[in-house]
PDB file of N, CA and C in Angstrom:
ATOM      1  N   MET A   1      -2.137 108.487  20.722  1.00  0.00           N
ATOM      2  CA  MET A   1      -1.384 109.378  19.907  1.00  0.00           C
ATOM      3  C   MET A   1      -0.175 108.608  19.410  1.00  0.00           C
ATOM      4  N   VAL A   2       0.221 108.896  18.178  1.00  0.00           N
ATOM      5  CA  VAL A   2       1.349 108.208  17.577  1.00  0.00           C
ATOM      6  C   VAL A   2       2.435 109.227  17.205  1.00  0.00           C
ATOM      7  N   CYS A   3       3.639 108.997  17.692  1.00  0.00           N
ATOM      8  CA  CYS A   3       4.804 109.809  17.359  1.00  0.00           C
ATOM      9  C   CYS A   3       5.653 108.991  16.390  1.00  0.00           C
ATOM     10  N   CYS A   4       5.866 109.504  15.186  1.00  0.00           N
ATOM     11  CA  CYS A   4       6.608 108.796  14.146  1.00  0.00           C
ATOM     12  C   CYS A   4       7.952 109.463  13.918  1.00  0.00           C
ATOM     13  N   PHE A   5       8.977 108.646  13.678  1.00  0.00           N
ATOM     14  CA  PHE A   5      10.279 109.198  13.330  1.00  0.00           C
ATOM     15  C   PHE A   5      11.084 108.159  12.578  1.00  0.00           C
ATOM     16  N   GLU A   6      12.143 108.622  11.940  1.00  0.00           N
ATOM     17  CA  GLU A   6      12.983 107.734  11.149  1.00  0.00           C
ATOM     18  C   GLU A   6      14.445 108.078  11.348  1.00  0.00           C
ATOM     19  N   ALA A   7      15.298 107.151  10.908  1.00  0.00           N
ATOM     20  CA  ALA A   7      16.741 107.334  10.999  1.00  0.00           C
ATOM     21  C   ALA A   7      17.394 106.636   9.809  1.00  0.00           C
ATOM     22  N   GLU A   8      18.678 106.872   9.642  1.00  0.00           N
ATOM     23  CA  GLU A   8      19.389 106.300   8.505  1.00  0.00           C
ATOM     24  C   GLU A   8      19.637 104.806   8.632  1.00  0.00           C
ATOM     25  N   SER A   9      19.655 104.284   9.869  1.00  0.00           N
ATOM     26  CA  SER A   9      19.876 102.849  10.073  1.00  0.00           C
ATOM     27  C   SER A   9      19.043 102.383  11.262  1.00  0.00           C
ATOM     28  N   PHE A  10      18.845 101.058  11.354  1.00  0.00           N
ATOM     29  CA  PHE A  10      18.088 100.509  12.475  1.00  0.00           C
ATOM     30  C   PHE A  10      18.832 100.741  13.785  1.00  0.00           C
ATOM     31  N   GLU A  11      20.161 100.635  13.760  1.00  0.00           N
ATOM     32  CA  GLU A  11      20.953 100.882  14.967  1.00  0.00           C
ATOM     33  C   GLU A  11      20.771 102.315  15.456  1.00  0.00           C
ATOM     34  N   GLU A  12      20.846 103.283  14.550  1.00  0.00           N
ATOM     35  CA  GLU A  12      20.640 104.680  14.934  1.00  0.00           C
ATOM     36  C   GLU A  12      19.213 104.903  15.430  1.00  0.00           C
ATOM     37  N   LEU A  13      18.257 104.238  14.785  1.00  0.00           N
ATOM     38  CA  LEU A  13      16.847 104.367  15.170  1.00  0.00           C
ATOM     39  C   LEU A  13      16.638 103.943  16.616  1.00  0.00           C
ATOM     40  N   THR A  14      17.240 102.828  17.016  1.00  0.00           N
ATOM     41  CA  THR A  14      17.006 102.275  18.353  1.00  0.00           C
ATOM     42  C   THR A  14      17.934 102.824  19.420  1.00  0.00           C
ATOM     43  N   THR A  15      18.799 103.744  19.059  1.00  0.00           N
ATOM     44  CA  THR A  15      19.692 104.348  20.061  1.00  0.00           C
ATOM     45  C   THR A  15      19.456 105.853  20.115  1.00  0.00           C
ATOM     46  N   SER A  16      20.235 106.613  19.368  1.00  0.00           N
ATOM     47  CA  SER A  16      20.163 108.070  19.495  1.00  0.00           C
ATOM     48  C   SER A  16      18.827 108.646  19.026  1.00  0.00           C
ATOM     49  N   ALA A  17      18.276 108.162  17.924  1.00  0.00           N
ATOM     50  CA  ALA A  17      17.003 108.716  17.435  1.00  0.00           C
ATOM     51  C   ALA A  17      15.871 108.432  18.405  1.00  0.00           C
ATOM     52  N   LEU A  18      15.835 107.233  18.959  1.00  0.00           N
ATOM     53  CA  LEU A  18      14.788 106.887  19.930  1.00  0.00           C
ATOM     54  C   LEU A  18      14.901 107.762  21.167  1.00  0.00           C
ATOM     55  N   GLY A  19      16.105 107.950  21.670  1.00  0.00           N
ATOM     56  CA  GLY A  19      16.307 108.810  22.841  1.00  0.00           C
ATOM     57  C   GLY A  19      15.855 110.236  22.585  1.00  0.00           C
ATOM     58  N   LYS A  20      16.207 110.773  21.425  1.00  0.00           N
ATOM     59  CA  LYS A  20      15.799 112.140  21.082  1.00  0.00           C
ATOM     60  C   LYS A  20      14.284 112.249  20.937  1.00  0.00           C
ATOM     61  N   ALA A  21      13.669 111.257  20.307  1.00  0.00           N
ATOM     62  CA  ALA A  21      12.214 111.278  20.130  1.00  0.00           C
ATOM     63  C   ALA A  21      11.497 111.205  21.473  1.00  0.00           C
ATOM     64  N   MET A  22      11.961 110.329  22.357  1.00  0.00           N
ATOM     65  CA  MET A  22      11.335 110.197  23.683  1.00  0.00           C
ATOM     66  C   MET A  22      11.502 111.485  24.487  1.00  0.00           C
ATOM     67  N   ASN A  23      12.700 112.074  24.459  1.00  0.00           N
ATOM     68  CA  ASN A  23      12.927 113.329  25.178  1.00  0.00           C
ATOM     69  C   ASN A  23      12.021 114.433  24.658  1.00  0.00           C
ATOM     70  N   TYR A  24      11.888 114.532  23.344  1.00  0.00           N
ATOM     71  CA  TYR A  24      11.032 115.568  22.777  1.00  0.00           C
ATOM     72  C   TYR A  24       9.561 115.312  23.109  1.00  0.00           C
ATOM     73  N   LEU A  25       9.103 114.078  22.909  1.00  0.00           N
ATOM     74  CA  LEU A  25       7.699 113.752  23.162  1.00  0.00           C
ATOM     75  C   LEU A  25       7.327 114.013  24.621  1.00  0.00           C
ATOM     76  N   PHE A  26       8.090 113.433  25.556  1.00  0.00           N
ATOM     77  CA  PHE A  26       7.728 113.526  26.966  1.00  0.00           C
ATOM     78  C   PHE A  26       8.220 114.798  27.639  1.00  0.00           C
ATOM     79  N   GLY A  27       9.328 115.351  27.188  1.00  0.00           N
ATOM     80  CA  GLY A  27       9.889 116.525  27.841  1.00  0.00           C
ATOM     81  C   GLY A  27       9.440 117.852  27.271  1.00  0.00           C
ATOM     82  N   THR A  28       8.968 117.855  26.022  1.00  0.00           N
ATOM     83  CA  THR A  28       8.617 119.117  25.377  1.00  0.00           C
ATOM     84  C   THR A  28       7.190 119.127  24.854  1.00  0.00           C
ATOM     85  N   TRP A  29       6.903 118.262  23.889  1.00  0.00           N
ATOM     86  CA  TRP A  29       5.633 118.346  23.170  1.00  0.00           C
ATOM     87  C   TRP A  29       4.428 118.144  24.085  1.00  0.00           C
ATOM     88  N   LEU A  30       4.398 117.060  24.848  1.00  0.00           N
ATOM     89  CA  LEU A  30       3.248 116.805  25.734  1.00  0.00           C
ATOM     90  C   LEU A  30       3.091 117.929  26.758  1.00  0.00           C
ATOM     91  N   ALA A  31       4.188 118.378  27.344  1.00  0.00           N
ATOM     92  CA  ALA A  31       4.124 119.458  28.342  1.00  0.00           C
ATOM     93  C   ALA A  31       3.580 120.741  27.724  1.00  0.00           C
ATOM     94  N   ASN A  32       4.006 121.075  26.502  1.00  0.00           N
ATOM     95  CA  ASN A  32       3.506 122.280  25.840  1.00  0.00           C
ATOM     96  C   ASN A  32       2.011 122.197  25.535  1.00  0.00           C
ATOM     97  N   GLN A  33       1.508 120.994  25.382  1.00  0.00           N
ATOM     98  CA  GLN A  33       0.076 120.790  25.128  1.00  0.00           C
ATOM     99  C   GLN A  33      -0.716 120.599  26.423  1.00  0.00           C
ATOM    100  N   LYS A  34      -0.016 120.697  27.562  1.00  0.00           N
ATOM    101  CA  LYS A  34      -0.604 120.456  28.889  1.00  0.00           C
ATOM    102  C   LYS A  34      -1.206 119.057  28.973  1.00  0.00           C
ATOM    103  N   LEU A  35      -0.422 118.092  28.452  1.00  0.00           N
ATOM    104  CA  LEU A  35      -0.830 116.693  28.464  1.00  0.00           C
ATOM    105  C   LEU A  35       0.214 115.850  29.181  1.00  0.00           C
ATOM    106  N   THR A  36      -0.224 114.740  29.694  1.00  0.00           N
ATOM    107  CA  THR A  36       0.632 113.687  30.214  1.00  0.00           C
ATOM    108  C   THR A  36       0.114 112.403  29.579  1.00  0.00           C
ATOM    109  N   THR A  37       0.570 111.254  30.020  1.00  0.00           N
ATOM    110  CA  THR A  37       0.087 110.014  29.424  1.00  0.00           C
ATOM    111  C   THR A  37      -0.361 109.030  30.487  1.00  0.00           C
ATOM    112  N   ARG A  38      -1.214 108.130  30.059  1.00  0.00           N
ATOM    113  CA  ARG A  38      -1.554 106.987  30.911  1.00  0.00           C
ATOM    114  C   ARG A  38      -0.353 106.049  30.929  1.00  0.00           C
ATOM    115  N   PRO A  39      -0.302 105.144  31.899  1.00  0.00           N
ATOM    116  CA  PRO A  39       0.850 104.229  31.968  1.00  0.00           C
ATOM    117  C   PRO A  39       0.795 103.161  30.867  1.00  0.00           C
ATOM    118  N   PHE A  40       1.003 103.597  29.647  1.00  0.00           N
ATOM    119  CA  PHE A  40       0.994 102.718  28.479  1.00  0.00           C
ATOM    120  C   PHE A  40       1.950 103.293  27.444  1.00  0.00           C
ATOM    121  N   LEU A  41       2.736 102.439  26.818  1.00  0.00           N
ATOM    122  CA  LEU A  41       3.611 102.865  25.733  1.00  0.00           C
ATOM    123  C   LEU A  41       3.823 101.660  24.828  1.00  0.00           C
ATOM    124  N   ALA A  42       3.627 101.858  23.545  1.00  0.00           N
ATOM    125  CA  ALA A  42       3.905 100.808  22.566  1.00  0.00           C
ATOM    126  C   ALA A  42       4.894 101.354  21.551  1.00  0.00           C
ATOM    127  N   GLU A  43       5.796 100.490  21.132  1.00  0.00           N
ATOM    128  CA  GLU A  43       6.755 100.848  20.094  1.00  0.00           C
ATOM    129  C   GLU A  43       6.526  99.922  18.915  1.00  0.00           C
ATOM    130  N   LYS A  44       6.421 100.491  17.725  1.00  0.00           N
ATOM    131  CA  LYS A  44       6.209  99.700  16.522  1.00  0.00           C
ATOM    132  C   LYS A  44       7.342  99.994  15.551  1.00  0.00           C
ATOM    133  N   TYR A  45       8.083  98.956  15.211  1.00  0.00           N
ATOM    134  CA  TYR A  45       9.230  99.077  14.316  1.00  0.00           C
ATOM    135  C   TYR A  45       8.845  98.568  12.931  1.00  0.00           C
ATOM    136  N   TYR A  46       9.294  99.262  11.908  1.00  0.00           N
ATOM    137  CA  TYR A  46       9.051  98.857  10.533  1.00  0.00           C
ATOM    138  C   TYR A  46      10.393  98.537   9.891  1.00  0.00           C
ATOM    139  N   LYS A  47      10.540  97.321   9.438  1.00  0.00           N
ATOM    140  CA  LYS A  47      11.764  96.923   8.737  1.00  0.00           C
ATOM    141  C   LYS A  47      11.448  96.670   7.276  1.00  0.00           C
ATOM    142  N   GLY A  48      12.410  96.960   6.443  1.00  0.00           N
ATOM    143  CA  GLY A  48      12.291  96.625   5.039  1.00  0.00           C
ATOM    144  C   GLY A  48      11.413  97.531   4.205  1.00  0.00           C
ATOM    145  N   MET A  49      10.947  98.649   4.763  1.00  0.00           N
ATOM    146  CA  MET A  49      10.105  99.555   3.995  1.00  0.00           C
ATOM    147  C   MET A  49      10.923 100.274   2.924  1.00  0.00           C
ATOM    148  N   SER A  50      12.149 100.617   3.232  1.00  0.00           N
ATOM    149  CA  SER A  50      13.050 101.308   2.307  1.00  0.00           C
ATOM    150  C   SER A  50      14.442 101.271   2.919  1.00  0.00           C
ATOM    151  N   ASP A  51      15.302 102.129   2.455  1.00  0.00           N
ATOM    152  CA  ASP A  51      16.635 102.192   3.050  1.00  0.00           C
ATOM    153  C   ASP A  51      16.661 103.049   4.313  1.00  0.00           C
ATOM    154  N   VAL A  52      15.501 103.504   4.760  1.00  0.00           N
ATOM    155  CA  VAL A  52      15.380 104.314   5.973  1.00  0.00           C
ATOM    156  C   VAL A  52      14.637 103.493   7.035  1.00  0.00           C
ATOM    157  N   ALA A  53      15.161 103.500   8.274  1.00  0.00           N
ATOM    158  CA  ALA A  53      14.505 102.809   9.382  1.00  0.00           C
ATOM    159  C   ALA A  53      13.416 103.722   9.953  1.00  0.00           C
ATOM    160  N   TYR A  54      12.252 103.162  10.244  1.00  0.00           N
ATOM    161  CA  TYR A  54      11.078 103.936  10.666  1.00  0.00           C
ATOM    162  C   TYR A  54      10.477 103.289  11.905  1.00  0.00           C
ATOM    163  N   MET A  55       9.970 104.125  12.802  1.00  0.00           N
ATOM    164  CA  MET A  55       9.408 103.640  14.058  1.00  0.00           C
ATOM    165  C   MET A  55       8.276 104.536  14.521  1.00  0.00           C
ATOM    166  N   GLU A  56       7.363 103.972  15.295  1.00  0.00           N
ATOM    167  CA  GLU A  56       6.278 104.727  15.924  1.00  0.00           C
ATOM    168  C   GLU A  56       6.279 104.468  17.418  1.00  0.00           C
ATOM    169  N   ILE A  57       6.015 105.501  18.185  1.00  0.00           N
ATOM    170  CA  ILE A  57       5.790 105.389  19.634  1.00  0.00           C
ATOM    171  C   ILE A  57       4.325 105.725  19.854  1.00  0.00           C
ATOM    172  N   TRP A  58       3.586 104.838  20.488  1.00  0.00           N
ATOM    173  CA  TRP A  58       2.161 105.037  20.753  1.00  0.00           C
ATOM    174  C   TRP A  58       1.962 105.305  22.239  1.00  0.00           C
ATOM    175  N   VAL A  59       1.234 106.374  22.570  1.00  0.00           N
ATOM    176  CA  VAL A  59       0.906 106.717  23.958  1.00  0.00           C
ATOM    177  C   VAL A  59      -0.565 107.110  24.042  1.00  0.00           C
ATOM    178  N   ILE A  60      -1.098 107.093  25.244  1.00  0.00           N
ATOM    179  CA  ILE A  60      -2.473 107.524  25.487  1.00  0.00           C
ATOM    180  C   ILE A  60      -2.418 108.837  26.264  1.00  0.00           C
ATOM    181  N   PRO A  61      -2.617 109.973  25.588  1.00  0.00           N
ATOM    182  CA  PRO A  61      -2.517 111.258  26.269  1.00  0.00           C
ATOM    183  C   PRO A  61      -3.749 111.554  27.127  1.00  0.00           C
ATOM    184  N   VAL A  62      -3.502 112.236  28.235  1.00  0.00           N
ATOM    185  CA  VAL A  62      -4.577 112.715  29.112  1.00  0.00           C
ATOM    186  C   VAL A  62      -4.197 114.118  29.575  1.00  0.00           C
ATOM    187  N   PRO A  63      -5.193 114.965  29.869  1.00  0.00           N
ATOM    188  CA  PRO A  63      -4.891 116.319  30.356  1.00  0.00           C
ATOM    189  C   PRO A  63      -4.150 116.277  31.689  1.00  0.00           C
ATOM    190  N   MET A  64      -3.218 117.219  31.865  1.00  0.00           N
ATOM    191  CA  MET A  64      -2.514 117.358  33.141  1.00  0.00           C
ATOM    192  C   MET A  64      -3.475 117.897  34.188  1.00  0.00           C
ATOM    193  N   GLU A  65      -3.214 117.543  35.424  1.00  0.00           N
ATOM    194  CA  GLU A  65      -3.938 118.143  36.533  1.00  0.00           C
ATOM    195  C   GLU A  65      -3.411 119.561  36.736  1.00  0.00           C
ATOM    196  N   GLU A  66      -4.184 120.441  37.335  1.00  0.00           N
ATOM    197  CA  GLU A  66      -3.789 121.837  37.547  1.00  0.00           C
ATOM    198  C   GLU A  66      -2.438 121.948  38.256  1.00  0.00           C
ATOM    199  N   ASP A  67      -2.163 121.090  39.255  1.00  0.00           N
ATOM    200  CA  ASP A  67      -0.919 121.197  40.013  1.00  0.00           C
ATOM    201  C   ASP A  67       0.294 120.653  39.252  1.00  0.00           C
ATOM    202  N   GLU A  68       0.107 120.078  38.066  1.00  0.00           N
ATOM    203  CA  GLU A  68       1.217 119.578  37.262  1.00  0.00           C
ATOM    204  C   GLU A  68       1.759 120.628  36.299  1.00  0.00           C
ATOM    205  N   PHE A  69       1.044 121.751  36.118  1.00  0.00           N
ATOM    206  CA  PHE A  69       1.485 122.768  35.158  1.00  0.00           C
ATOM    207  C   PHE A  69       2.792 123.344  35.608  1.00  0.00           C
TER     208      PHE A  69
END
């Protein structure tokens, strides 16, 4: 699964925006879907696409076990 987000600058992308995206992905979205992830995470940064900094977080989702709900 790929989580995409952008920010106004590369510095903002790699600090506050990244923290917010990770908190939302792992703390809210995956839990609401009753998913967790395998121990894998990739980050892909795009530079020079435009005046906006863009990034992707890649994870491998798996269903939660019953006792994790």
